[in-house]
Protein backbone atom coordinates (compact mmCIF):
# COMPACT_ATOMS: atom_id res chain seq x y z
CA UNK A 1 -10.37 -16.88 0.63
CA UNK A 2 -8.05 -17.09 -2.39
CA UNK A 3 -4.35 -16.46 -1.79
CA UNK A 4 -1.45 -15.44 -4.03
CA UNK A 5 2.20 -16.40 -3.51
CA UNK A 6 4.75 -13.72 -4.20
CA UNK A 7 8.37 -14.68 -4.88
CA UNK A 8 10.34 -11.59 -3.61
CA UNK A 9 13.55 -10.21 -5.12
CA UNK A 10 15.31 -11.97 -2.17
CA UNK A 11 13.90 -15.23 -3.50
CA UNK A 12 11.64 -15.64 -0.45
CA UNK A 13 8.05 -16.78 -0.98
CA UNK A 14 5.33 -14.93 0.87
CA UNK A 15 1.72 -15.87 0.70
CA UNK A 16 -0.95 -13.11 0.81
CA UNK A 17 -4.70 -13.31 1.04
CA UNK A 18 -6.32 -11.74 -1.95
CA UNK A 19 -8.84 -9.06 -1.12
CA UNK A 20 -12.41 -10.23 -1.69
CA UNK A 21 -14.79 -8.40 -4.06
CA UNK A 22 -16.90 -7.20 -1.15
CA UNK A 23 -13.93 -5.66 0.56
CA UNK A 24 -12.92 -3.86 -2.61
CA UNK A 25 -16.50 -2.59 -3.19
CA UNK A 26 -16.78 -1.27 0.36
CA UNK A 27 -13.33 0.45 0.01
CA UNK A 28 -14.56 2.08 -3.27
CA UNK A 29 -17.79 3.24 -1.53
CA UNK A 30 -15.81 4.84 1.22
CA UNK A 31 -13.60 6.56 -1.27
CA UNK A 32 -16.68 7.86 -3.17
CA UNK A 33 -18.15 9.16 0.05
CA UNK A 34 -14.90 11.03 0.88
CA UNK A 35 -14.97 12.53 -2.69
CA UNK A 36 -18.58 13.58 -2.45
CA UNK A 37 -17.78 15.23 0.85
CA UNK A 38 -14.83 17.07 -0.78
CA UNK A 39 -16.99 18.15 -3.74
CA UNK A 40 -19.71 19.44 -1.36
CA UNK A 41 -17.21 21.53 0.58
CA UNK A 42 -15.66 22.90 -2.60
CA UNK A 43 -19.10 23.98 -3.88
CA UNK A 44 -19.68 25.76 -0.54
CA UNK A 45 -16.22 27.42 -0.82
CA UNK A 46 -16.87 28.43 -4.49
CA UNK A 47 -20.14 30.01 -3.49
CA UNK A 48 -18.59 31.79 -0.56
CA UNK A 49 -15.83 33.24 -2.76
CA UNK A 50 -18.38 34.37 -5.32
CA UNK A 51 -17.39 32.08 -8.17
CA UNK A 52 -21.08 31.36 -8.80
CA UNK A 53 -21.37 34.91 -10.01
CA UNK A 54 -18.84 34.53 -12.85
CA UNK A 55 -20.75 35.33 -16.01
CA UNK A 56 -18.37 33.83 -18.58
CA UNK A 57 -19.32 30.14 -18.94
CA UNK A 58 -15.73 29.01 -19.83
CA UNK A 59 -14.11 30.90 -17.03
CA UNK A 60 -16.56 29.35 -14.59
CA UNK A 61 -15.86 25.87 -15.96
CA UNK A 62 -12.15 26.48 -15.68
CA UNK A 63 -12.43 27.44 -12.02
CA UNK A 64 -14.55 24.42 -11.16
CA UNK A 65 -12.22 22.14 -13.14
CA UNK A 66 -9.33 23.21 -10.96
CA UNK A 67 -11.38 22.39 -7.86
CA UNK A 68 -12.15 18.94 -9.29
CA UNK A 69 -8.53 18.01 -10.06
CA UNK A 70 -8.11 16.20 -6.73
CA UNK A 71 -11.21 14.13 -7.47
CA UNK A 72 -9.85 13.16 -10.90
CA UNK A 73 -6.43 12.09 -9.64
CA UNK A 74 -7.52 10.88 -6.20
CA UNK A 75 -6.83 7.17 -6.75
CA UNK A 76 -3.57 7.67 -8.50
CA UNK A 77 -2.14 10.08 -5.97
CA UNK A 78 -3.32 8.28 -2.82
CA UNK A 79 -2.11 4.81 -4.00
CA UNK A 80 1.24 6.40 -5.03
CA UNK A 81 1.85 8.21 -1.74
CA UNK A 82 0.19 5.74 0.64
CA UNK A 83 2.03 2.65 -0.75
CA UNK A 84 -0.86 1.11 -2.69
CA UNK A 85 -3.78 2.34 -0.56
CA UNK A 86 -6.55 4.87 -0.91
CA UNK A 87 -8.23 6.02 2.25
CA UNK A 88 -10.94 3.43 1.66
CA UNK A 89 -8.38 0.72 1.20
CA UNK A 90 -6.62 1.76 4.40
CA UNK A 91 -9.93 1.53 6.33
CA UNK A 92 -10.68 -1.88 4.83
CA UNK A 93 -7.03 -3.02 5.41
CA UNK A 94 -6.35 -3.92 1.77
CA UNK A 95 -3.44 -2.87 -0.49
CA UNK A 96 -2.13 -2.99 -4.04
CA UNK A 97 1.09 -5.00 -4.44
CA UNK A 98 3.20 -6.15 -7.30
CA UNK A 99 2.88 -9.81 -8.01
CA UNK A 100 6.50 -10.16 -9.17
CA UNK A 101 7.84 -9.23 -5.76
CA UNK A 102 9.17 -5.81 -6.70
CA UNK A 103 7.90 -2.52 -5.21
CA UNK A 104 5.07 -0.98 -7.26
CA UNK A 105 6.23 2.15 -9.18
CA UNK A 106 4.45 5.23 -10.47
CA UNK A 107 3.94 3.51 -13.86
CA UNK A 108 2.19 0.64 -12.20
CA UNK A 109 -0.23 2.82 -10.30
CA UNK A 110 -0.70 4.97 -13.48
CA UNK A 111 -1.66 1.94 -15.56
CA UNK A 112 -4.18 0.86 -12.84
CA UNK A 113 -5.63 4.33 -12.72
CA UNK A 114 -5.78 4.64 -16.50
CA UNK A 115 -7.64 1.33 -16.89
CA UNK A 116 -10.33 2.55 -14.46
CA UNK A 117 -11.85 4.06 -17.62
CA UNK A 118 -12.56 0.52 -18.92
CA UNK A 119 -12.97 -1.31 -15.61
CA UNK A 120 -15.25 1.16 -13.87
CA UNK A 121 -16.32 4.14 -15.91
CA UNK A 122 -16.98 2.77 -19.40
CA UNK A 123 -20.57 2.07 -18.56
CA UNK A 124 -22.86 3.19 -15.75
CA UNK A 125 -21.90 0.25 -13.45
CA UNK A 126 -18.47 -1.36 -13.26
CA UNK A 127 -19.44 -4.64 -14.94
CA UNK A 128 -16.13 -5.10 -16.78
CA UNK A 129 -13.96 -4.63 -13.68
CA UNK A 130 -16.27 -6.83 -11.56
CA UNK A 131 -16.33 -9.68 -14.02
CA UNK A 132 -12.53 -9.47 -14.38
CA UNK A 133 -12.05 -9.70 -10.60
CA UNK A 134 -14.44 -12.71 -10.42
CA UNK A 135 -12.98 -14.60 -13.37
CA UNK A 136 -9.22 -13.87 -13.03
CA UNK A 137 -7.07 -16.22 -11.05
CA UNK A 138 -5.71 -13.50 -8.78
CA UNK A 139 -8.89 -11.40 -8.47
CA UNK A 140 -7.49 -8.74 -10.78
CA UNK A 141 -9.43 -6.24 -12.80
CA UNK A 142 -7.95 -5.35 -16.25
CA UNK A 143 -5.90 -2.56 -14.74
CA UNK A 144 -4.34 -5.02 -12.31
CA UNK A 145 -3.55 -7.55 -15.00
CA UNK A 146 -2.04 -4.90 -17.21
CA UNK A 147 0.16 -3.44 -14.41
CA UNK A 148 1.07 -6.75 -12.85
CA UNK A 149 -0.59 -5.87 -9.56
CA UNK A 150 -3.08 -7.43 -7.28
CA UNK A 151 -5.13 -6.26 -4.26
CA UNK A 152 -4.34 -8.19 -1.02
CA UNK A 153 -5.84 -8.22 2.44
CA UNK A 154 -3.72 -7.10 5.28
CA UNK A 155 -5.98 -8.76 7.80
CA UNK A 156 -4.30 -11.81 9.28
CA UNK A 157 -5.68 -14.20 11.91
CA UNK A 158 -2.27 -15.33 12.94
CA UNK A 159 -0.04 -15.22 15.95
CA UNK A 160 2.59 -12.59 16.49
CA UNK A 161 5.31 -15.03 15.37
CA UNK A 162 3.79 -15.05 11.89
CA UNK A 163 3.69 -11.23 11.65
CA UNK A 164 6.26 -8.49 11.44
CA UNK A 165 5.53 -7.58 15.10
CA UNK A 166 7.99 -8.30 17.81
CA UNK A 167 7.43 -8.63 21.52
CA UNK A 168 8.56 -5.40 23.28
CA UNK A 169 9.10 -4.73 26.95
CA UNK A 170 7.39 -1.71 28.34
CA UNK A 171 10.73 -0.06 28.86
CA UNK A 172 11.93 -0.66 25.40
CA UNK A 173 13.90 2.23 23.74
CA UNK A 174 14.50 2.20 20.01
CA UNK A 175 18.00 2.26 18.52
CA UNK A 176 17.33 3.11 14.78
CA UNK A 177 14.56 5.71 14.32
CA UNK A 178 15.14 5.59 10.50
CA UNK A 179 13.48 2.25 10.39
CA UNK A 180 10.31 4.16 9.53
CA UNK A 181 11.68 4.25 5.99
CA UNK A 182 10.63 0.56 5.83
CA UNK A 183 7.19 -0.55 4.79
CA UNK A 184 5.22 -3.30 6.41
CA UNK A 185 6.06 -5.47 3.43
CA UNK A 186 9.80 -4.71 3.82
CA UNK A 187 9.66 -5.67 7.45
CA UNK A 188 7.80 -8.92 6.64
CA UNK A 189 10.44 -9.88 4.09
CA UNK A 190 13.22 -9.06 6.49
CA UNK A 191 11.66 -11.26 9.17
CA UNK A 192 11.04 -14.14 6.71
CA UNK A 193 14.57 -14.07 5.41
CA UNK A 194 15.96 -13.85 8.94
CA UNK A 195 13.92 -16.85 10.09
CA UNK A 196 15.09 -18.81 7.03
CA UNK A 197 18.75 -17.86 7.29
CA UNK A 198 19.45 -17.72 11.08
CA UNK A 199 21.89 -20.44 12.22
CA UNK A 200 21.99 -21.83 8.68
CA UNK A 201 23.15 -19.25 6.21
CA UNK A 202 25.52 -16.65 7.63
CA UNK A 203 26.24 -15.24 4.23
CA UNK A 204 22.56 -14.54 3.57
CA UNK A 205 22.43 -12.77 7.03
CA UNK A 206 25.31 -10.53 5.99
CA UNK A 207 23.59 -9.67 2.72
CA UNK A 208 20.37 -8.92 4.47
CA UNK A 209 22.07 -6.73 7.04
CA UNK A 210 23.82 -4.81 4.30
CA UNK A 211 20.55 -4.37 2.46
CA UNK A 212 18.78 -2.99 5.59
CA UNK A 213 21.75 -0.61 6.24
CA UNK A 214 21.34 0.79 2.73
CA UNK A 215 17.55 1.29 3.12
CA UNK A 216 17.53 2.90 6.49
CA UNK A 217 20.85 4.65 6.11
CA UNK A 218 22.61 3.34 9.26
CA UNK A 219 25.77 1.27 9.99
CA UNK A 220 25.84 -1.64 12.39
CA UNK A 221 28.20 -1.27 15.36
CA UNK A 222 31.21 -3.47 14.49
CA UNK A 223 30.80 -5.30 17.79
CA UNK A 224 27.15 -6.11 17.12
CA UNK A 225 26.28 -9.54 15.51
CA UNK A 226 24.30 -9.49 12.25
CA UNK A 227 21.37 -11.40 13.74
CA UNK A 228 21.19 -8.98 16.74
CA UNK A 229 21.10 -5.97 14.40
CA UNK A 230 18.27 -7.47 12.34
CA UNK A 231 16.18 -8.26 15.46
CA UNK A 232 16.78 -4.74 16.71
CA UNK A 233 15.58 -3.30 13.39
CA UNK A 234 12.36 -5.40 13.60
CA UNK A 235 11.78 -4.39 17.18
CA UNK A 236 12.32 -0.69 16.40
CA UNK A 237 9.92 -1.08 13.45
CA UNK A 238 7.30 -2.50 15.84
CA UNK A 239 7.94 0.30 18.29
CA UNK A 240 7.36 3.07 15.75
CA UNK A 241 4.46 1.54 13.95
CA UNK A 242 2.45 -0.46 16.49
CA UNK A 243 0.15 2.51 17.20
CA UNK A 244 -0.52 3.05 13.56
CA UNK A 245 -1.99 -0.39 12.83
């Protein structure tokens, strides 16, 4: 499987597996099935509410257009609020990320969504997007190239030491509930920087600790070492998210 190396804003290199074409097609099919189910339910609801009896053609079209707005904006809104994933992508364990190491913004997701017109909907079958994924270096469709994003796989056949997960005792009690503000990618970056800096670069540990404090809105106890604080954050993140993966 192809990989992509991301140089994060903390100047740490992280290697991701690029999502394969098959995974992306299956994710798209799952999303289409979800949307078809939604459209079917909306048609039943419209019939139950008597909208089928509206005589004026334009009024009827306006009503059904409102019902279809979630379908039209589905990809944009789900990727925006689910951190680069639609429901189909969540099921297939793939995600949209920025290739420059920054967090994807609304404008990035909007560009991806807008270029679906060319990549997917311009002709009956998504030839342009498919060819772009096959031929581009980072498996990007035109929307991905234009927004500086790529779709990566979250499936990793690696040990726990290579992941964001931490070993937890059964009696473990979390210290910082606000770690849920972090994303998986944030936690992975934190762990990578910690491994790189621990026992070598105390200044980097201090910077990392301050960055974490700002994100999760907590302050380290003055008697707690920076490395201990970072490990607690990673353990707490594992505690609150282990049942969600």
